[in-house]
Amino acid sequence: MAATDKIQIDLVKLVGGDRLLRLTEPESGLTLEQKLDPRLPVVRQKQRLLDVFQAALAKAALPTG
């Protein structure tokens, strides 16, 4: 499983004014993006997405078979 400190977090502002949160783990190449809800705190959305991302990385690291 990848360490949290290796996860790259980008906040991208789109042309229409919407914002996109992108998490990338460079070693595995796994990327997860989510459009942010302007009504909710960014910190809460970031933590939720980070939890999902870490779970996906952990699942990808499980041996198959």
C-alpha atoms as a PDB file:
ATOM      1  CA  MET A   1       0.000   0.000   0.000  1.00  0.00           C
ATOM      2  CA  ALA A   2       1.244   3.474  -0.851  1.00  0.00           C
ATOM      3  CA  ALA A   3       2.045   5.940   1.892  1.00  0.00           C
ATOM      4  CA  THR A   4      -0.246   8.940   2.286  1.00  0.00           C
ATOM      5  CA  ASP A   5       2.691  11.333   1.916  1.00  0.00           C
ATOM      6  CA  LYS A   6       3.222  10.113  -1.663  1.00  0.00           C
ATOM      7  CA  ILE A   7      -0.316  10.995  -2.752  1.00  0.00           C
ATOM      8  CA  GLN A   8      -0.403  14.115  -4.895  1.00  0.00           C
ATOM      9  CA  ILE A   9      -3.459  16.320  -4.304  1.00  0.00           C
ATOM     10  CA  ASP A  10      -4.461  18.929  -6.896  1.00  0.00           C
ATOM     11  CA  LEU A  11      -7.291  21.441  -6.754  1.00  0.00           C
ATOM     12  CA  VAL A  12      -8.216  22.386 -10.312  1.00  0.00           C
ATOM     13  CA  LYS A  13     -10.450  25.317 -11.181  1.00  0.00           C
ATOM     14  CA  LEU A  14     -12.442  24.617 -14.336  1.00  0.00           C
ATOM     15  CA  VAL A  15     -13.409  27.218 -16.944  1.00  0.00           C
ATOM     16  CA  GLY A  16     -17.020  27.393 -15.737  1.00  0.00           C
ATOM     17  CA  GLY A  17     -15.907  28.183 -12.185  1.00  0.00           C
ATOM     18  CA  ASP A  18     -16.391  24.657 -10.815  1.00  0.00           C
ATOM     19  CA  ARG A  19     -13.552  23.054  -8.862  1.00  0.00           C
ATOM     20  CA  LEU A  20     -12.173  19.554  -9.206  1.00  0.00           C
ATOM     21  CA  LEU A  21     -10.197  17.668  -6.585  1.00  0.00           C
ATOM     22  CA  ARG A  22      -7.709  15.197  -8.067  1.00  0.00           C
ATOM     23  CA  LEU A  23      -5.715  12.622  -6.087  1.00  0.00           C
ATOM     24  CA  THR A  24      -2.856  10.758  -7.772  1.00  0.00           C
ATOM     25  CA  GLU A  25      -0.441   8.130  -6.495  1.00  0.00           C
ATOM     26  CA  PRO A  26       2.582   8.296  -8.835  1.00  0.00           C
ATOM     27  CA  GLU A  27       3.941   4.786  -8.213  1.00  0.00           C
ATOM     28  CA  SER A  28       0.724   2.945  -9.103  1.00  0.00           C
ATOM     29  CA  GLY A  29      -0.629   5.587 -11.484  1.00  0.00           C
ATOM     30  CA  LEU A  30      -4.007   5.460  -9.747  1.00  0.00           C
ATOM     31  CA  THR A  31      -5.976   8.715 -10.047  1.00  0.00           C
ATOM     32  CA  LEU A  32      -9.299   9.700  -8.528  1.00  0.00           C
ATOM     33  CA  GLU A  33     -11.172  12.903  -9.364  1.00  0.00           C
ATOM     34  CA  GLN A  34     -14.289  14.464  -7.943  1.00  0.00           C
ATOM     35  CA  LYS A  35     -16.125  17.671  -8.696  1.00  0.00           C
ATOM     36  CA  LEU A  36     -16.425  19.639  -5.460  1.00  0.00           C
ATOM     37  CA  ASP A  37     -19.773  20.675  -4.027  1.00  0.00           C
ATOM     38  CA  PRO A  38     -19.537  24.441  -3.345  1.00  0.00           C
ATOM     39  CA  ARG A  39     -22.015  24.090  -0.455  1.00  0.00           C
ATOM     40  CA  LEU A  40     -19.755  21.754   1.556  1.00  0.00           C
ATOM     41  CA  PRO A  41     -16.391  22.498   3.201  1.00  0.00           C
ATOM     42  CA  VAL A  42     -13.462  21.510   0.978  1.00  0.00           C
ATOM     43  CA  VAL A  43     -11.649  19.921   3.934  1.00  0.00           C
ATOM     44  CA  ARG A  44     -14.492  17.461   4.538  1.00  0.00           C
ATOM     45  CA  GLN A  45     -14.732  16.548   0.848  1.00  0.00           C
ATOM     46  CA  LYS A  46     -10.959  16.161   0.619  1.00  0.00           C
ATOM     47  CA  GLN A  47     -10.872  13.806   3.623  1.00  0.00           C
ATOM     48  CA  ARG A  48     -13.737  11.705   2.261  1.00  0.00           C
ATOM     49  CA  LEU A  49     -12.064  11.384  -1.140  1.00  0.00           C
ATOM     50  CA  LEU A  50      -8.710  10.598   0.499  1.00  0.00           C
ATOM     51  CA  ASP A  51     -10.333   7.788   2.529  1.00  0.00           C
ATOM     52  CA  VAL A  52     -11.851   6.283  -0.636  1.00  0.00           C
ATOM     53  CA  PHE A  53      -8.553   6.658  -2.490  1.00  0.00           C
ATOM     54  CA  GLN A  54      -6.567   4.933   0.267  1.00  0.00           C
ATOM     55  CA  ALA A  55      -9.079   2.077   0.312  1.00  0.00           C
ATOM     56  CA  ALA A  56      -8.712   1.688  -3.457  1.00  0.00           C
ATOM     57  CA  LEU A  57      -4.914   1.627  -3.133  1.00  0.00           C
ATOM     58  CA  ALA A  58      -5.137  -0.985  -0.385  1.00  0.00           C
ATOM     59  CA  LYS A  59      -7.462  -3.132  -2.483  1.00  0.00           C
ATOM     60  CA  ALA A  60      -5.136  -2.833  -5.493  1.00  0.00           C
ATOM     61  CA  ALA A  61      -2.222  -3.993  -3.337  1.00  0.00           C
ATOM     62  CA  LEU A  62      -3.980  -7.226  -2.273  1.00  0.00           C
ATOM     63  CA  PRO A  63      -2.580 -10.356  -3.888  1.00  0.00           C
ATOM     64  CA  THR A  64      -4.895 -11.920  -6.451  1.00  0.00           C
ATOM     65  CA  GLY A  65      -5.423 -15.641  -6.501  1.00  0.00           C
END
